[in-house]
Amino acid sequence: MQRRDWMLGAAGLMLSVVSGVCAAQAEYPSRPVTLIVPYGAGGVTDVVARAMAHAMGQKLGQSIVIENKPGAGASMGVVDMKTAKPDGYRLTLSPVGIFRQPHIQKVSYDPVADVRYVAAYMSYDFLLAVAQDSPFKTLNDVIEQSKKEPGSVDYGTPGKFSANHVLMSLLEKKAGVRFTHVPYKGDAEAVNALIAGHTKTGVFGNTVLPYMNSGKLRAIAISSETRPEAFANVPTFRELGYDVVTPSPLGIAGPKDLPDAIVRKLEDAVQFAMRDADVKRVAANYGVRLEYRNSRDYAAFAKQAFADEGKIVQSIGLE
């Protein structure tokens, strides 16, 4: 009789715990949510993320607070997820660089096993650009000069092992040429160096658009599969005969055990935010493509990207 009472009591306790968890998930969020942006404030990623967070907060009924944590190859947010509670109140942006870092150096996270991918909402583009008065008018001009004098064409990037660096390393392999890499601390320094004539070319993300519009820089190739609307006049590397594509979706992720019910609410909030007029305006200012991936598709991309980055690092020798 005592054993039966104990079992009934245990079952009741378990039911109470499960009911409590389900209730907590049903009312999520009941307080502000923190979203880690693994970059400094004021850049394209940060600006778009803040617009997204505001719109998502309207859908969720709670504010989303941005926490900037730059450094470590933009992996600080994913590192944080290893110890964050899987309750949906601490999330991070998950840039493509997190799949490359483990192949370059020892890291404290597994980008597949330690993370629950919630949804992707945008994609970056990367462009090879020159100063407006540069003698290089086309990609072919750059390639021919590099064949004539290997290493004579330098290019600035926001840092070693960045997607910008990878793009040009891939182009070297495809074209059979050698460039000289000039790494800077960020896009701003690399852009200023190109405008001032300290470098001959540069590879930039969407931050280059305002400089193109002002006539200070001219893009000669883009590494997307097709020409994005904002860069309709810029040919892709593929169009020019070089199969160089650098897919770079950006989205939101949480701890690995984040419950499905919370993921679904966040997916809905991401889709809602992507339709918001202010989000569209901010994205358009930088030519950012708003592209949605749900949790399942984003997780599949993450798994494939992790494997692909290993092959890329090995092939271009970024040791």
C-alpha atoms as a PDB file:
ATOM      1  CA  MET A   1       0.000   0.000   0.000  1.00  0.00           C
ATOM      2  CA  GLN A   2       2.853   2.321   0.913  1.00  0.00           C
ATOM      3  CA  ARG A   3       4.620   1.509  -2.369  1.00  0.00           C
ATOM      4  CA  ARG A   4       1.430   2.285  -4.301  1.00  0.00           C
ATOM      5  CA  ASP A   5       1.023   5.616  -2.481  1.00  0.00           C
ATOM      6  CA  TRP A   6       4.663   6.452  -3.203  1.00  0.00           C
ATOM      7  CA  MET A   7       4.229   5.686  -6.890  1.00  0.00           C
ATOM      8  CA  LEU A   8       1.069   7.768  -7.091  1.00  0.00           C
ATOM      9  CA  GLY A   9       2.842  10.627  -5.342  1.00  0.00           C
ATOM     10  CA  ALA A  10       5.831  10.404  -7.675  1.00  0.00           C
ATOM     11  CA  ALA A  11       3.548  10.323 -10.713  1.00  0.00           C
ATOM     12  CA  GLY A  12       1.699  13.347  -9.419  1.00  0.00           C
ATOM     13  CA  LEU A  13       4.929  15.231  -8.848  1.00  0.00           C
ATOM     14  CA  MET A  14       6.154  14.389 -12.338  1.00  0.00           C
ATOM     15  CA  LEU A  15       2.857  15.512 -13.848  1.00  0.00           C
ATOM     16  CA  SER A  16       3.104  18.742 -11.880  1.00  0.00           C
ATOM     17  CA  VAL A  17       6.633  19.382 -13.149  1.00  0.00           C
ATOM     18  CA  VAL A  18       5.681  18.642 -16.766  1.00  0.00           C
ATOM     19  CA  SER A  19       2.594  20.834 -16.455  1.00  0.00           C
ATOM     20  CA  GLY A  20       4.715  23.629 -15.039  1.00  0.00           C
ATOM     21  CA  VAL A  21       7.223  23.386 -17.906  1.00  0.00           C
ATOM     22  CA  CYS A  22       4.434  23.359 -20.495  1.00  0.00           C
ATOM     23  CA  ALA A  23       2.789  26.370 -18.838  1.00  0.00           C
ATOM     24  CA  ALA A  24       6.097  28.255 -18.836  1.00  0.00           C
ATOM     25  CA  GLN A  25       6.574  27.540 -22.526  1.00  0.00           C
ATOM     26  CA  ALA A  26       2.984  28.518 -23.282  1.00  0.00           C
ATOM     27  CA  GLU A  27       3.378  31.934 -21.656  1.00  0.00           C
ATOM     28  CA  TYR A  28       6.843  32.555 -23.152  1.00  0.00           C
ATOM     29  CA  PRO A  29       8.096  35.206 -23.107  1.00  0.00           C
ATOM     30  CA  SER A  30       7.003  36.686 -19.794  1.00  0.00           C
ATOM     31  CA  ARG A  31      10.031  38.999 -19.503  1.00  0.00           C
ATOM     32  CA  PRO A  32      12.575  40.663 -21.829  1.00  0.00           C
ATOM     33  CA  VAL A  33      14.735  38.481 -24.071  1.00  0.00           C
ATOM     34  CA  THR A  34      18.455  39.081 -24.646  1.00  0.00           C
ATOM     35  CA  LEU A  35      19.870  38.714 -28.163  1.00  0.00           C
ATOM     36  CA  ILE A  36      23.666  38.615 -28.463  1.00  0.00           C
ATOM     37  CA  VAL A  37      25.146  40.368 -31.497  1.00  0.00           C
ATOM     38  CA  PRO A  38      28.740  39.071 -31.814  1.00  0.00           C
ATOM     39  CA  TYR A  39      29.916  42.319 -33.433  1.00  0.00           C
ATOM     40  CA  GLY A  40      30.447  45.888 -32.306  1.00  0.00           C
ATOM     41  CA  ALA A  41      27.603  48.396 -32.296  1.00  0.00           C
ATOM     42  CA  GLY A  42      26.828  50.440 -35.396  1.00  0.00           C
ATOM     43  CA  GLY A  43      27.716  47.978 -38.170  1.00  0.00           C
ATOM     44  CA  VAL A  44      25.318  46.496 -40.718  1.00  0.00           C
ATOM     45  CA  THR A  45      24.691  43.360 -38.652  1.00  0.00           C
ATOM     46  CA  ASP A  46      24.006  45.350 -35.504  1.00  0.00           C
ATOM     47  CA  VAL A  47      21.726  47.901 -37.191  1.00  0.00           C
ATOM     48  CA  VAL A  48      19.586  45.256 -38.918  1.00  0.00           C
ATOM     49  CA  ALA A  49      19.498  43.131 -35.752  1.00  0.00           C
ATOM     50  CA  ARG A  50      18.173  46.058 -33.721  1.00  0.00           C
ATOM     51  CA  ALA A  51      15.392  46.651 -36.245  1.00  0.00           C
ATOM     52  CA  MET A  52      14.566  42.933 -36.202  1.00  0.00           C
ATOM     53  CA  ALA A  53      14.614  42.825 -32.396  1.00  0.00           C
ATOM     54  CA  HIS A  54      12.185  45.751 -32.146  1.00  0.00           C
ATOM     55  CA  ALA A  55       9.737  44.160 -34.586  1.00  0.00           C
ATOM     56  CA  MET A  56      10.053  40.693 -33.033  1.00  0.00           C
ATOM     57  CA  GLY A  57       9.361  42.231 -29.638  1.00  0.00           C
ATOM     58  CA  GLN A  58       6.077  43.614 -30.933  1.00  0.00           C
ATOM     59  CA  LYS A  59       5.028  40.112 -31.994  1.00  0.00           C
ATOM     60  CA  LEU A  60       6.195  38.446 -28.776  1.00  0.00           C
ATOM     61  CA  GLY A  61       4.806  41.112 -26.466  1.00  0.00           C
ATOM     62  CA  GLN A  62       8.160  41.573 -24.739  1.00  0.00           C
ATOM     63  CA  SER A  63      11.207  43.661 -25.591  1.00  0.00           C
ATOM     64  CA  ILE A  64      14.339  42.061 -27.064  1.00  0.00           C
ATOM     65  CA  VAL A  65      17.506  43.622 -25.674  1.00  0.00           C
ATOM     66  CA  ILE A  66      20.668  43.652 -27.815  1.00  0.00           C
ATOM     67  CA  GLU A  67      23.952  42.706 -26.136  1.00  0.00           C
ATOM     68  CA  ASN A  68      27.062  43.332 -28.256  1.00  0.00           C
ATOM     69  CA  LYS A  69      29.862  40.787 -27.696  1.00  0.00           C
ATOM     70  CA  PRO A  70      32.486  41.214 -30.451  1.00  0.00           C
ATOM     71  CA  GLY A  71      35.662  39.150 -30.719  1.00  0.00           C
ATOM     72  CA  ALA A  72      36.821  35.548 -31.241  1.00  0.00           C
ATOM     73  CA  GLY A  73      35.815  35.481 -34.893  1.00  0.00           C
ATOM     74  CA  ALA A  74      32.218  36.475 -34.084  1.00  0.00           C
ATOM     75  CA  SER A  75      31.779  33.292 -32.050  1.00  0.00           C
ATOM     76  CA  MET A  76      31.187  34.828 -28.608  1.00  0.00           C
ATOM     77  CA  GLY A  77      27.437  34.346 -28.862  1.00  0.00           C
ATOM     78  CA  VAL A  78      27.663  30.662 -29.727  1.00  0.00           C
ATOM     79  CA  VAL A  79      30.175  30.118 -26.924  1.00  0.00           C
ATOM     80  CA  ASP A  80      27.652  31.731 -24.570  1.00  0.00           C
ATOM     81  CA  MET A  81      24.964  29.240 -25.645  1.00  0.00           C
ATOM     82  CA  LYS A  82      26.881  26.337 -24.092  1.00  0.00           C
ATOM     83  CA  THR A  83      25.998  27.586 -20.604  1.00  0.00           C
ATOM     84  CA  ALA A  84      22.799  29.546 -21.299  1.00  0.00           C
ATOM     85  CA  LYS A  85      19.555  28.130 -19.929  1.00  0.00           C
ATOM     86  CA  PRO A  86      17.393  26.631 -22.690  1.00  0.00           C
ATOM     87  CA  ASP A  87      14.423  28.819 -21.773  1.00  0.00           C
ATOM     88  CA  GLY A  88      14.481  31.217 -24.733  1.00  0.00           C
ATOM     89  CA  TYR A  89      15.567  34.273 -22.750  1.00  0.00           C
ATOM     90  CA  ARG A  90      19.148  34.278 -24.021  1.00  0.00           C
ATOM     91  CA  LEU A  91      19.739  33.914 -27.757  1.00  0.00           C
ATOM     92  CA  THR A  92      22.464  34.799 -30.230  1.00  0.00           C
ATOM     93  CA  LEU A  93      23.050  35.687 -33.843  1.00  0.00           C
ATOM     94  CA  SER A  94      24.855  32.894 -35.667  1.00  0.00           C
ATOM     95  CA  PRO A  95      27.095  34.162 -38.514  1.00  0.00           C
ATOM     96  CA  VAL A  96      28.723  31.786 -41.005  1.00  0.00           C
ATOM     97  CA  GLY A  97      32.144  32.422 -39.471  1.00  0.00           C
ATOM     98  CA  ILE A  98      31.281  30.121 -36.564  1.00  0.00           C
ATOM     99  CA  PHE A  99      31.480  27.157 -38.947  1.00  0.00           C
ATOM    100  CA  ARG A 100      34.979  28.145 -40.122  1.00  0.00           C
ATOM    101  CA  GLN A 101      36.675  28.895 -36.796  1.00  0.00           C
ATOM    102  CA  PRO A 102      36.812  25.266 -35.535  1.00  0.00           C
ATOM    103  CA  HIS A 103      38.797  24.324 -38.658  1.00  0.00           C
ATOM    104  CA  ILE A 104      41.303  27.118 -38.078  1.00  0.00           C
ATOM    105  CA  GLN A 105      41.929  26.992 -34.339  1.00  0.00           C
ATOM    106  CA  LYS A 106      40.845  25.212 -31.196  1.00  0.00           C
ATOM    107  CA  VAL A 107      37.455  26.456 -30.004  1.00  0.00           C
ATOM    108  CA  SER A 108      35.251  25.643 -27.024  1.00  0.00           C
ATOM    109  CA  TYR A 109      32.083  24.916 -28.985  1.00  0.00           C
ATOM    110  CA  ASP A 110      30.663  22.545 -31.577  1.00  0.00           C
ATOM    111  CA  PRO A 111      28.595  24.639 -34.032  1.00  0.00           C
ATOM    112  CA  VAL A 112      26.265  21.713 -34.714  1.00  0.00           C
ATOM    113  CA  ALA A 113      25.927  19.870 -31.392  1.00  0.00           C
ATOM    114  CA  ASP A 114      25.934  22.858 -29.013  1.00  0.00           C
ATOM    115  CA  VAL A 115      23.372  25.058 -30.773  1.00  0.00           C
ATOM    116  CA  ARG A 116      19.655  25.018 -31.638  1.00  0.00           C
ATOM    117  CA  TYR A 117      19.158  26.964 -34.868  1.00  0.00           C
ATOM    118  CA  VAL A 118      15.919  28.948 -34.696  1.00  0.00           C
ATOM    119  CA  ALA A 119      15.600  30.814 -38.018  1.00  0.00           C
ATOM    120  CA  ALA A 120      17.694  32.707 -40.562  1.00  0.00           C
ATOM    121  CA  TYR A 121      16.442  36.078 -41.763  1.00  0.00           C
ATOM    122  CA  MET A 122      19.064  37.663 -44.035  1.00  0.00           C
ATOM    123  CA  SER A 123      22.046  37.003 -46.298  1.00  0.00           C
ATOM    124  CA  TYR A 124      25.212  38.981 -46.787  1.00  0.00           C
ATOM    125  CA  ASP A 125      26.871  39.623 -50.123  1.00  0.00           C
ATOM    126  CA  PHE A 126      30.606  40.082 -50.683  1.00  0.00           C
ATOM    127  CA  LEU A 127      32.022  42.236 -53.442  1.00  0.00           C
ATOM    128  CA  LEU A 128      35.435  42.930 -54.946  1.00  0.00           C
ATOM    129  CA  ALA A 129      35.738  46.712 -55.200  1.00  0.00           C
ATOM    130  CA  VAL A 130      38.188  49.328 -56.429  1.00  0.00           C
ATOM    131  CA  ALA A 131      38.475  53.096 -56.054  1.00  0.00           C
ATOM    132  CA  GLN A 132      36.434  55.100 -58.542  1.00  0.00           C
ATOM    133  CA  ASP A 133      39.580  56.246 -60.407  1.00  0.00           C
ATOM    134  CA  SER A 134      41.237  52.800 -60.420  1.00  0.00           C
ATOM    135  CA  PRO A 135      42.778  51.611 -63.703  1.00  0.00           C
ATOM    136  CA  PHE A 136      41.072  48.261 -63.040  1.00  0.00           C
ATOM    137  CA  LYS A 137      37.720  48.450 -64.819  1.00  0.00           C
ATOM    138  CA  THR A 138      36.866  44.739 -64.780  1.00  0.00           C
ATOM    139  CA  LEU A 139      37.731  41.550 -62.936  1.00  0.00           C
ATOM    140  CA  ASN A 140      39.700  40.466 -65.977  1.00  0.00           C
ATOM    141  CA  ASP A 141      41.943  43.521 -65.547  1.00  0.00           C
ATOM    142  CA  VAL A 142      42.755  42.381 -62.010  1.00  0.00           C
ATOM    143  CA  ILE A 143      43.389  38.794 -63.104  1.00  0.00           C
ATOM    144  CA  GLU A 144      45.628  39.796 -66.031  1.00  0.00           C
ATOM    145  CA  GLN A 145      47.744  42.092 -63.871  1.00  0.00           C
ATOM    146  CA  SER A 146      48.158  39.327 -61.296  1.00  0.00           C
ATOM    147  CA  LYS A 147      49.258  36.878 -63.981  1.00  0.00           C
ATOM    148  CA  LYS A 148      51.753  39.393 -65.348  1.00  0.00           C
ATOM    149  CA  GLU A 149      53.159  40.281 -61.915  1.00  0.00           C
ATOM    150  CA  PRO A 150      52.160  37.757 -59.220  1.00  0.00           C
ATOM    151  CA  GLY A 151      51.393  39.463 -55.914  1.00  0.00           C
ATOM    152  CA  SER A 152      51.325  42.963 -57.416  1.00  0.00           C
ATOM    153  CA  VAL A 153      47.576  43.317 -56.766  1.00  0.00           C
ATOM    154  CA  ASP A 154      46.795  43.656 -53.068  1.00  0.00           C
ATOM    155  CA  TYR A 155      43.383  43.565 -51.417  1.00  0.00           C
ATOM    156  CA  GLY A 156      42.132  44.799 -48.074  1.00  0.00           C
ATOM    157  CA  THR A 157      39.727  42.849 -45.866  1.00  0.00           C
ATOM    158  CA  PRO A 158      38.346  43.199 -42.325  1.00  0.00           C
ATOM    159  CA  GLY A 159      40.711  40.466 -41.165  1.00  0.00           C
ATOM    160  CA  LYS A 160      42.474  37.182 -41.687  1.00  0.00           C
ATOM    161  CA  PHE A 161      40.173  34.159 -42.069  1.00  0.00           C
ATOM    162  CA  SER A 162      37.158  36.404 -42.724  1.00  0.00           C
ATOM    163  CA  ALA A 163      34.737  35.454 -45.497  1.00  0.00           C
ATOM    164  CA  ASN A 164      36.328  38.289 -47.486  1.00  0.00           C
ATOM    165  CA  HIS A 165      39.734  36.610 -47.190  1.00  0.00           C
ATOM    166  CA  VAL A 166      38.273  33.211 -48.093  1.00  0.00           C
ATOM    167  CA  LEU A 167      36.654  34.694 -51.219  1.00  0.00           C
ATOM    168  CA  MET A 168      39.960  35.939 -52.622  1.00  0.00           C
ATOM    169  CA  SER A 169      41.786  32.757 -51.652  1.00  0.00           C
ATOM    170  CA  LEU A 170      39.203  30.794 -53.638  1.00  0.00           C
ATOM    171  CA  LEU A 171      39.612  33.177 -56.571  1.00  0.00           C
ATOM    172  CA  GLU A 172      43.380  32.621 -56.491  1.00  0.00           C
ATOM    173  CA  LYS A 173      42.781  28.886 -56.842  1.00  0.00           C
ATOM    174  CA  LYS A 174      40.199  29.251 -59.603  1.00  0.00           C
ATOM    175  CA  ALA A 175      42.193  31.797 -61.635  1.00  0.00           C
ATOM    176  CA  GLY A 176      45.670  30.419 -60.966  1.00  0.00           C
ATOM    177  CA  VAL A 177      47.015  33.733 -59.682  1.00  0.00           C
ATOM    178  CA  ARG A 178      48.489  35.189 -56.494  1.00  0.00           C
ATOM    179  CA  PHE A 179      47.268  38.284 -54.662  1.00  0.00           C
ATOM    180  CA  THR A 180      48.657  40.038 -51.595  1.00  0.00           C
ATOM    181  CA  HIS A 181      46.334  40.062 -48.592  1.00  0.00           C
ATOM    182  CA  VAL A 182      46.236  43.181 -46.386  1.00  0.00           C
ATOM    183  CA  PRO A 183      44.138  42.473 -43.264  1.00  0.00           C
ATOM    184  CA  TYR A 184      42.635  45.355 -41.287  1.00  0.00           C
ATOM    185  CA  LYS A 185      40.741  45.486 -37.998  1.00  0.00           C
ATOM    186  CA  GLY A 186      37.398  45.985 -39.721  1.00  0.00           C
ATOM    187  CA  ASP A 187      35.489  47.103 -42.797  1.00  0.00           C
ATOM    188  CA  ALA A 188      35.869  50.802 -41.993  1.00  0.00           C
ATOM    189  CA  GLU A 189      39.673  50.673 -41.987  1.00  0.00           C
ATOM    190  CA  ALA A 190      39.787  48.581 -45.156  1.00  0.00           C
ATOM    191  CA  VAL A 191      37.371  50.910 -46.975  1.00  0.00           C
ATOM    192  CA  ASN A 192      39.326  54.012 -45.967  1.00  0.00           C
ATOM    193  CA  ALA A 193      42.592  52.426 -47.087  1.00  0.00           C
ATOM    194  CA  LEU A 194      41.144  51.694 -50.528  1.00  0.00           C
ATOM    195  CA  ILE A 195      39.689  55.181 -50.946  1.00  0.00           C
ATOM    196  CA  ALA A 196      43.022  56.714 -49.884  1.00  0.00           C
ATOM    197  CA  GLY A 197      44.934  54.601 -52.401  1.00  0.00           C
ATOM    198  CA  HIS A 198      46.831  52.506 -49.850  1.00  0.00           C
ATOM    199  CA  THR A 199      45.471  49.309 -51.432  1.00  0.00           C
ATOM    200  CA  LYS A 200      44.552  48.521 -55.034  1.00  0.00           C
ATOM    201  CA  THR A 201      41.406  46.492 -54.320  1.00  0.00           C
ATOM    202  CA  GLY A 202      39.249  45.442 -51.389  1.00  0.00           C
ATOM    203  CA  VAL A 203      36.619  42.859 -50.516  1.00  0.00           C
ATOM    204  CA  PHE A 204      33.636  44.089 -48.536  1.00  0.00           C
ATOM    205  CA  GLY A 205      30.219  43.025 -47.398  1.00  0.00           C
ATOM    206  CA  ASN A 206      27.099  45.130 -47.717  1.00  0.00           C
ATOM    207  CA  THR A 207      28.826  48.058 -46.000  1.00  0.00           C
ATOM    208  CA  VAL A 208      30.224  48.964 -49.420  1.00  0.00           C
ATOM    209  CA  LEU A 209      26.853  50.069 -50.842  1.00  0.00           C
ATOM    210  CA  PRO A 210      26.837  53.662 -49.479  1.00  0.00           C
ATOM    211  CA  TYR A 211      30.364  54.182 -50.882  1.00  0.00           C
ATOM    212  CA  MET A 212      29.226  52.898 -54.256  1.00  0.00           C
ATOM    213  CA  ASN A 213      26.214  55.200 -54.205  1.00  0.00           C
ATOM    214  CA  SER A 214      28.409  58.184 -53.330  1.00  0.00           C
ATOM    215  CA  GLY A 215      30.794  57.394 -56.186  1.00  0.00           C
ATOM    216  CA  LYS A 216      33.822  56.721 -53.996  1.00  0.00           C
ATOM    217  CA  LEU A 217      34.081  53.005 -54.794  1.00  0.00           C
ATOM    218  CA  ARG A 218      33.178  50.798 -57.721  1.00  0.00           C
ATOM    219  CA  ALA A 219      32.347  47.088 -57.382  1.00  0.00           C
ATOM    220  CA  ILE A 220      33.588  44.838 -60.195  1.00  0.00           C
ATOM    221  CA  ALA A 221      32.311  41.411 -59.045  1.00  0.00           C
ATOM    222  CA  ILE A 222      29.988  39.879 -56.457  1.00  0.00           C
ATOM    223  CA  SER A 223      30.162  36.375 -54.946  1.00  0.00           C
ATOM    224  CA  SER A 224      26.428  35.615 -54.909  1.00  0.00           C
ATOM    225  CA  GLU A 225      24.793  32.966 -57.103  1.00  0.00           C
ATOM    226  CA  THR A 226      22.729  35.587 -58.934  1.00  0.00           C
ATOM    227  CA  ARG A 227      22.798  39.387 -58.937  1.00  0.00           C
ATOM    228  CA  PRO A 228      20.911  40.802 -55.926  1.00  0.00           C
ATOM    229  CA  GLU A 229      18.553  43.681 -56.659  1.00  0.00           C
ATOM    230  CA  ALA A 230      20.728  46.208 -54.818  1.00  0.00           C
ATOM    231  CA  PHE A 231      23.748  45.195 -56.903  1.00  0.00           C
ATOM    232  CA  ALA A 232      22.012  44.571 -60.214  1.00  0.00           C
ATOM    233  CA  ASN A 233      24.811  46.260 -62.176  1.00  0.00           C
ATOM    234  CA  VAL A 234      27.570  44.134 -60.646  1.00  0.00           C
ATOM    235  CA  PRO A 235      28.374  40.842 -62.425  1.00  0.00           C
ATOM    236  CA  THR A 236      28.803  37.678 -60.368  1.00  0.00           C
ATOM    237  CA  PHE A 237      32.119  35.839 -60.340  1.00  0.00           C
ATOM    238  CA  ARG A 238      30.315  32.932 -61.988  1.00  0.00           C
ATOM    239  CA  GLU A 239      29.162  35.135 -64.842  1.00  0.00           C
ATOM    240  CA  LEU A 240      32.782  36.129 -65.347  1.00  0.00           C
ATOM    241  CA  GLY A 241      33.971  32.532 -65.504  1.00  0.00           C
ATOM    242  CA  TYR A 242      35.052  31.877 -61.894  1.00  0.00           C
ATOM    243  CA  ASP A 243      32.943  29.603 -59.685  1.00  0.00           C
ATOM    244  CA  VAL A 244      33.340  31.613 -56.486  1.00  0.00           C
ATOM    245  CA  VAL A 245      30.198  31.721 -54.324  1.00  0.00           C
ATOM    246  CA  THR A 246      30.178  32.508 -50.602  1.00  0.00           C
ATOM    247  CA  PRO A 247      26.689  31.862 -49.149  1.00  0.00           C
ATOM    248  CA  SER A 248      26.381  33.816 -45.897  1.00  0.00           C
ATOM    249  CA  PRO A 249      22.968  33.602 -44.239  1.00  0.00           C
ATOM    250  CA  LEU A 250      22.582  35.088 -40.773  1.00  0.00           C
ATOM    251  CA  GLY A 251      20.033  34.043 -38.221  1.00  0.00           C
ATOM    252  CA  ILE A 252      19.149  33.434 -34.603  1.00  0.00           C
ATOM    253  CA  ALA A 253      20.162  30.471 -32.464  1.00  0.00           C
ATOM    254  CA  GLY A 254      19.744  29.327 -28.886  1.00  0.00           C
ATOM    255  CA  PRO A 255      21.008  26.624 -26.524  1.00  0.00           C
ATOM    256  CA  LYS A 256      20.886  23.066 -27.854  1.00  0.00           C
ATOM    257  CA  ASP A 257      17.934  22.000 -25.672  1.00  0.00           C
ATOM    258  CA  LEU A 258      15.672  24.927 -26.558  1.00  0.00           C
ATOM    259  CA  PRO A 259      12.112  23.465 -26.616  1.00  0.00           C
ATOM    260  CA  ASP A 260      10.185  23.123 -29.865  1.00  0.00           C
ATOM    261  CA  ALA A 261       7.304  25.256 -28.562  1.00  0.00           C
ATOM    262  CA  ILE A 262       9.631  28.206 -27.966  1.00  0.00           C
ATOM    263  CA  VAL A 263      11.373  27.701 -31.301  1.00  0.00           C
ATOM    264  CA  ARG A 264       8.005  27.878 -33.081  1.00  0.00           C
ATOM    265  CA  LYS A 265       7.119  31.158 -31.350  1.00  0.00           C
ATOM    266  CA  LEU A 266      10.478  32.620 -32.320  1.00  0.00           C
ATOM    267  CA  GLU A 267      10.101  31.420 -35.913  1.00  0.00           C
ATOM    268  CA  ASP A 268       6.765  33.226 -36.108  1.00  0.00           C
ATOM    269  CA  ALA A 269       8.314  36.366 -34.642  1.00  0.00           C
ATOM    270  CA  VAL A 270      11.161  36.305 -37.183  1.00  0.00           C
ATOM    271  CA  GLN A 271       8.715  36.009 -40.089  1.00  0.00           C
ATOM    272  CA  PHE A 272       6.601  38.811 -38.643  1.00  0.00           C
ATOM    273  CA  ALA A 273       9.660  41.063 -38.307  1.00  0.00           C
ATOM    274  CA  MET A 274      10.790  40.408 -41.860  1.00  0.00           C
ATOM    275  CA  ARG A 275       7.502  41.915 -43.072  1.00  0.00           C
ATOM    276  CA  ASP A 276       7.960  45.032 -40.925  1.00  0.00           C
ATOM    277  CA  ALA A 277       8.348  48.261 -42.918  1.00  0.00           C
ATOM    278  CA  ASP A 278      11.226  49.562 -40.778  1.00  0.00           C
ATOM    279  CA  VAL A 279      13.160  46.287 -41.091  1.00  0.00           C
ATOM    280  CA  LYS A 280      12.727  46.390 -44.863  1.00  0.00           C
ATOM    281  CA  ARG A 281      13.892  50.006 -44.957  1.00  0.00           C
ATOM    282  CA  VAL A 282      17.016  49.342 -42.881  1.00  0.00           C
ATOM    283  CA  ALA A 283      17.882  46.261 -44.940  1.00  0.00           C
ATOM    284  CA  ALA A 284      17.429  48.190 -48.185  1.00  0.00           C
ATOM    285  CA  ASN A 285      19.807  50.910 -46.982  1.00  0.00           C
ATOM    286  CA  TYR A 286      22.632  48.377 -47.128  1.00  0.00           C
ATOM    287  CA  GLY A 287      21.338  46.160 -49.910  1.00  0.00           C
ATOM    288  CA  VAL A 288      20.821  43.310 -47.436  1.00  0.00           C
ATOM    289  CA  ARG A 289      18.703  40.439 -48.750  1.00  0.00           C
ATOM    290  CA  LEU A 290      15.942  39.338 -46.376  1.00  0.00           C
ATOM    291  CA  GLU A 291      15.784  35.562 -46.839  1.00  0.00           C
ATOM    292  CA  TYR A 292      13.981  33.216 -44.444  1.00  0.00           C
ATOM    293  CA  ARG A 293      15.000  29.736 -43.338  1.00  0.00           C
ATOM    294  CA  ASN A 294      12.964  27.897 -40.705  1.00  0.00           C
ATOM    295  CA  SER A 295      14.595  25.981 -37.860  1.00  0.00           C
ATOM    296  CA  ARG A 296      14.802  22.688 -39.734  1.00  0.00           C
ATOM    297  CA  ASP A 297      16.283  24.207 -42.890  1.00  0.00           C
ATOM    298  CA  TYR A 298      18.659  26.428 -40.958  1.00  0.00           C
ATOM    299  CA  ALA A 299      19.958  23.447 -38.955  1.00  0.00           C
ATOM    300  CA  ALA A 300      20.508  21.507 -42.187  1.00  0.00           C
ATOM    301  CA  PHE A 301      22.425  24.459 -43.619  1.00  0.00           C
ATOM    302  CA  ALA A 302      24.570  24.650 -40.461  1.00  0.00           C
ATOM    303  CA  LYS A 303      25.525  20.981 -40.681  1.00  0.00           C
ATOM    304  CA  GLN A 304      26.461  21.267 -44.363  1.00  0.00           C
ATOM    305  CA  ALA A 305      28.279  24.585 -43.896  1.00  0.00           C
ATOM    306  CA  PHE A 306      30.407  23.146 -41.093  1.00  0.00           C
ATOM    307  CA  ALA A 307      31.541  20.328 -43.379  1.00  0.00           C
ATOM    308  CA  ASP A 308      32.063  22.640 -46.363  1.00  0.00           C
ATOM    309  CA  GLU A 309      34.164  25.123 -44.402  1.00  0.00           C
ATOM    310  CA  GLY A 310      36.533  22.331 -43.407  1.00  0.00           C
ATOM    311  CA  LYS A 311      37.079  21.454 -47.060  1.00  0.00           C
ATOM    312  CA  ILE A 312      37.577  25.119 -47.995  1.00  0.00           C
ATOM    313  CA  VAL A 313      40.142  25.722 -45.252  1.00  0.00           C
ATOM    314  CA  GLN A 314      42.014  22.598 -46.286  1.00  0.00           C
ATOM    315  CA  SER A 315      41.949  23.434 -49.996  1.00  0.00           C
ATOM    316  CA  ILE A 316      43.190  27.015 -49.724  1.00  0.00           C
ATOM    317  CA  GLY A 317      45.647  26.385 -46.906  1.00  0.00           C
ATOM    318  CA  LEU A 318      44.630  28.874 -44.245  1.00  0.00           C
ATOM    319  CA  GLU A 319      46.742  27.246 -41.572  1.00  0.00           C
END
